[in-house]
C-alpha atoms as a PDB file:
ATOM      1  CA  MET A   1       0.000   0.000   0.000  1.00  0.00           C
ATOM      2  CA  LYS A   2       1.297   3.444  -0.805  1.00  0.00           C
ATOM      3  CA  LEU A   3       1.272   5.471   2.393  1.00  0.00           C
ATOM      4  CA  PRO A   4       0.755   9.211   2.618  1.00  0.00           C
ATOM      5  CA  LEU A   5       3.975  11.137   3.251  1.00  0.00           C
ATOM      6  CA  ASN A   6       2.850  12.116   6.748  1.00  0.00           C
ATOM      7  CA  VAL A   7       2.786   8.477   7.931  1.00  0.00           C
ATOM      8  CA  LYS A   8       6.070   7.602   9.591  1.00  0.00           C
ATOM      9  CA  PRO A   9       7.645   4.865  11.684  1.00  0.00           C
ATOM     10  CA  LYS A  10       8.379   5.737  15.294  1.00  0.00           C
ATOM     11  CA  ASN A  11      11.995   6.538  15.964  1.00  0.00           C
ATOM     12  CA  PHE A  12      14.006   5.916  19.111  1.00  0.00           C
ATOM     13  CA  ILE A  13      12.568   8.911  21.012  1.00  0.00           C
ATOM     14  CA  TRP A  14       9.172   7.185  21.150  1.00  0.00           C
ATOM     15  CA  ASN A  15      10.736   4.356  23.156  1.00  0.00           C
ATOM     16  CA  LEU A  16      10.882   6.699  26.156  1.00  0.00           C
ATOM     17  CA  PHE A  17       7.105   6.390  26.543  1.00  0.00           C
ATOM     18  CA  PRO A  18       5.886   3.047  27.940  1.00  0.00           C
ATOM     19  CA  PHE A  19       2.612   3.116  25.983  1.00  0.00           C
ATOM     20  CA  SER A  20       4.314   3.830  22.678  1.00  0.00           C
ATOM     21  CA  LYS A  21       4.998   0.266  21.575  1.00  0.00           C
ATOM     22  CA  TYR A  22       1.264  -0.505  21.655  1.00  0.00           C
ATOM     23  CA  THR A  23      -0.184   2.651  20.159  1.00  0.00           C
ATOM     24  CA  ALA A  24      -0.078   5.018  17.211  1.00  0.00           C
ATOM     25  CA  GLN A  25       0.110   8.765  17.619  1.00  0.00           C
ATOM     26  CA  ALA A  26      -1.288  11.574  15.492  1.00  0.00           C
ATOM     27  CA  ILE A  27       0.604  14.792  16.115  1.00  0.00           C
ATOM     28  CA  TYR A  28      -0.159  17.258  13.380  1.00  0.00           C
ATOM     29  CA  PRO A  29       0.847  16.904  10.641  1.00  0.00           C
ATOM     30  CA  ASN A  30       2.283  13.400  11.125  1.00  0.00           C
ATOM     31  CA  ILE A  31       1.067   9.960  12.127  1.00  0.00           C
ATOM     32  CA  TYR A  32       3.512   7.640  13.875  1.00  0.00           C
ATOM     33  CA  PHE A  33       3.249   3.849  13.932  1.00  0.00           C
ATOM     34  CA  THR A  34       5.485   1.199  15.426  1.00  0.00           C
ATOM     35  CA  LYS A  35       7.953  -0.157  12.889  1.00  0.00           C
ATOM     36  CA  ASP A  36       6.133  -3.471  12.436  1.00  0.00           C
ATOM     37  CA  VAL A  37       2.760  -1.800  11.819  1.00  0.00           C
ATOM     38  CA  TYR A  38       4.366   0.740   9.480  1.00  0.00           C
ATOM     39  CA  GLU A  39       6.062  -2.027   7.479  1.00  0.00           C
ATOM     40  CA  ASN A  40       2.825  -4.016   7.323  1.00  0.00           C
ATOM     41  CA  LEU A  41       0.942  -0.969   6.021  1.00  0.00           C
ATOM     42  CA  LYS A  42       3.528  -0.581   3.263  1.00  0.00           C
ATOM     43  CA  SER A  43       3.084  -4.207   2.173  1.00  0.00           C
ATOM     44  CA  ASP A  44       0.976  -5.451  -0.731  1.00  0.00           C
ATOM     45  CA  LYS A  45      -1.637  -6.905   1.622  1.00  0.00           C
ATOM     46  CA  PRO A  46      -1.775  -4.821   4.788  1.00  0.00           C
ATOM     47  CA  ASN A  47      -3.696  -6.048   7.806  1.00  0.00           C
ATOM     48  CA  PRO A  48      -7.220  -4.522   7.734  1.00  0.00           C
ATOM     49  CA  ARG A  49      -6.909  -3.700  11.446  1.00  0.00           C
ATOM     50  CA  TYR A  50      -3.840  -1.593  10.705  1.00  0.00           C
ATOM     51  CA  ILE A  51      -5.638   0.190   7.887  1.00  0.00           C
ATOM     52  CA  ALA A  52      -8.486   0.864  10.335  1.00  0.00           C
ATOM     53  CA  ALA A  53      -5.902   2.312  12.749  1.00  0.00           C
ATOM     54  CA  LEU A  54      -4.611   4.529   9.947  1.00  0.00           C
ATOM     55  CA  LYS A  55      -8.163   5.765   9.297  1.00  0.00           C
ATOM     56  CA  HIS A  56      -8.479   6.476  13.032  1.00  0.00           C
ATOM     57  CA  GLU A  57      -5.270   8.511  13.139  1.00  0.00           C
ATOM     58  CA  GLN A  58      -6.116  10.340   9.910  1.00  0.00           C
ATOM     59  CA  THR A  59      -9.339  11.480  11.550  1.00  0.00           C
ATOM     60  CA  HIS A  60      -7.317  12.945  14.425  1.00  0.00           C
ATOM     61  CA  ILE A  61      -5.043  14.761  11.956  1.00  0.00           C
ATOM     62  CA  GLU A  62      -8.004  16.228  10.047  1.00  0.00           C
ATOM     63  CA  ARG A  63      -9.602  17.429  13.270  1.00  0.00           C
ATOM     64  CA  GLN A  64      -6.307  18.843  14.576  1.00  0.00           C
ATOM     65  CA  LYS A  65      -5.905  20.777  11.334  1.00  0.00           C
ATOM     66  CA  ARG A  66      -9.449  22.138  11.532  1.00  0.00           C
ATOM     67  CA  THR A  67      -9.228  23.129  15.202  1.00  0.00           C
ATOM     68  CA  GLY A  68      -5.560  24.075  15.286  1.00  0.00           C
ATOM     69  CA  TRP A  69      -3.134  21.532  16.691  1.00  0.00           C
ATOM     70  CA  VAL A  70      -2.191  23.561  19.784  1.00  0.00           C
ATOM     71  CA  LYS A  71      -5.809  24.165  20.811  1.00  0.00           C
ATOM     72  CA  TRP A  72      -6.714  20.555  19.956  1.00  0.00           C
ATOM     73  CA  GLY A  73      -3.772  19.158  21.939  1.00  0.00           C
ATOM     74  CA  PHE A  74      -4.479  21.351  24.952  1.00  0.00           C
ATOM     75  CA  SER A  75      -8.163  20.417  24.923  1.00  0.00           C
ATOM     76  CA  TYR A  76      -7.328  16.736  24.484  1.00  0.00           C
ATOM     77  CA  VAL A  77      -5.060  16.681  27.520  1.00  0.00           C
ATOM     78  CA  ILE A  78      -7.158  18.905  29.799  1.00  0.00           C
ATOM     79  CA  PHE A  79     -10.782  18.040  29.025  1.00  0.00           C
ATOM     80  CA  PRO A  80     -11.925  14.406  29.409  1.00  0.00           C
ATOM     81  CA  LYS A  81     -15.162  14.979  27.465  1.00  0.00           C
ATOM     82  CA  PHE A  82     -13.233  16.455  24.538  1.00  0.00           C
ATOM     83  CA  ARG A  83     -10.796  13.515  24.649  1.00  0.00           C
ATOM     84  CA  PHE A  84     -13.658  11.005  24.607  1.00  0.00           C
ATOM     85  CA  ASP A  85     -15.503  12.826  21.824  1.00  0.00           C
ATOM     86  CA  GLU A  86     -12.349  12.921  19.696  1.00  0.00           C
ATOM     87  CA  GLU A  87     -11.633   9.248  20.246  1.00  0.00           C
ATOM     88  CA  LEU A  88     -15.220   8.338  19.466  1.00  0.00           C
ATOM     89  CA  GLU A  89     -15.102  10.227  16.159  1.00  0.00           C
ATOM     90  CA  ALA A  90     -11.817   8.561  15.242  1.00  0.00           C
ATOM     91  CA  LEU A  91     -13.160   5.138  16.246  1.00  0.00           C
ATOM     92  CA  LYS A  92     -16.187   5.694  14.023  1.00  0.00           C
ATOM     93  CA  SER A  93     -13.784   6.039  11.080  1.00  0.00           C
ATOM     94  CA  SER A  94     -12.216   2.703  12.017  1.00  0.00           C
ATOM     95  CA  MET A  95     -15.606   1.098  12.492  1.00  0.00           C
ATOM     96  CA  LYS A  96     -16.831   2.256   9.100  1.00  0.00           C
ATOM     97  CA  TYR A  97     -13.785   0.793   7.382  1.00  0.00           C
ATOM     98  CA  LEU A  98     -14.043  -2.523   9.237  1.00  0.00           C
ATOM     99  CA  LYS A  99     -17.784  -2.834   8.691  1.00  0.00           C
ATOM    100  CA  GLU A 100     -17.374  -2.263   4.932  1.00  0.00           C
ATOM    101  CA  ARG A 101     -14.986  -5.231   4.914  1.00  0.00           C
ATOM    102  CA  LYS A 102     -17.257  -7.438   7.035  1.00  0.00           C
ATOM    103  CA  GLU A 103     -14.757  -7.359   9.915  1.00  0.00           C
ATOM    104  CA  ASP A 104     -15.783  -7.197  13.555  1.00  0.00           C
ATOM    105  CA  PHE A 105     -15.077  -4.517  16.142  1.00  0.00           C
ATOM    106  CA  ASP A 106     -14.638  -5.311  19.823  1.00  0.00           C
ATOM    107  CA  THR A 107     -16.575  -2.580  21.626  1.00  0.00           C
ATOM    108  CA  GLN A 108     -15.852  -4.171  25.006  1.00  0.00           C
ATOM    109  CA  ARG A 109     -12.080  -3.988  24.503  1.00  0.00           C
ATOM    110  CA  SER A 110     -12.240  -0.409  23.215  1.00  0.00           C
ATOM    111  CA  ALA A 111     -14.476   0.639  26.109  1.00  0.00           C
ATOM    112  CA  LYS A 112     -11.913  -0.786  28.551  1.00  0.00           C
ATOM    113  CA  PHE A 113      -9.153   1.256  26.930  1.00  0.00           C
ATOM    114  CA  LEU A 114     -11.207   4.450  26.809  1.00  0.00           C
ATOM    115  CA  SER A 115     -12.163   4.123  30.467  1.00  0.00           C
ATOM    116  CA  GLY A 116      -8.605   3.305  31.535  1.00  0.00           C
ATOM    117  CA  TRP A 117      -5.253   4.948  32.167  1.00  0.00           C
ATOM    118  CA  LEU A 118      -4.220   5.149  28.501  1.00  0.00           C
ATOM    119  CA  TYR A 119      -6.931   7.736  27.869  1.00  0.00           C
ATOM    120  CA  LEU A 120      -6.660   9.250  31.348  1.00  0.00           C
ATOM    121  CA  TRP A 121      -9.998   7.795  32.471  1.00  0.00           C
ATOM    122  CA  CYS A 122     -11.909  10.142  30.184  1.00  0.00           C
ATOM    123  CA  VAL A 123     -15.187   8.232  30.516  1.00  0.00           C
ATOM    124  CA  SER A 124     -16.754   5.428  32.488  1.00  0.00           C
ATOM    125  CA  TYR A 125     -16.695   1.940  31.025  1.00  0.00           C
ATOM    126  CA  LYS A 126     -20.488   1.869  30.948  1.00  0.00           C
ATOM    127  CA  LYS A 127     -20.780   5.108  28.947  1.00  0.00           C
ATOM    128  CA  ALA A 128     -17.948   4.137  26.596  1.00  0.00           C
ATOM    129  CA  LYS A 129     -19.522   0.742  25.915  1.00  0.00           C
ATOM    130  CA  LEU A 130     -22.947   2.283  25.333  1.00  0.00           C
ATOM    131  CA  GLU A 131     -21.610   4.875  22.894  1.00  0.00           C
ATOM    132  CA  LEU A 132     -19.385   2.399  21.061  1.00  0.00           C
ATOM    133  CA  ASP A 133     -22.218  -0.119  20.674  1.00  0.00           C
ATOM    134  CA  LYS A 134     -24.455   2.659  19.367  1.00  0.00           C
ATOM    135  CA  ALA A 135     -21.789   3.798  16.886  1.00  0.00           C
ATOM    136  CA  TRP A 136     -21.204   0.227  15.682  1.00  0.00           C
ATOM    137  CA  GLN A 137     -24.934  -0.218  15.012  1.00  0.00           C
ATOM    138  CA  GLU A 138     -25.186   3.009  12.963  1.00  0.00           C
END
């Protein structure tokens, strides 16, 4: 798959963050993936889950551009509701891609992440699960 120029593999600096080997980051204007995910995306037959992750991160980049990356970043860190709303919009992009390919989406797993430390407890599990299930059904 030909990747956009703003999609990059994580370099050594990302290894300073413990969560980095499990996640992708969208920091305007770039998207950073672990080396193995990046290499898979560049392959002839990339994993659909990784393409869904790319769609997710592209949504963040589009929204950062529209809002302004400084304002977006500040709001993301400071306001839990904003953080949840942004993740939900990005997850909807992933869901749409996966649904078009008849793939499944684990709302329970995503709700656990959204209600946990990785997203700074931005929402309760119950609310995350409810909203994710609703989005998956749409």
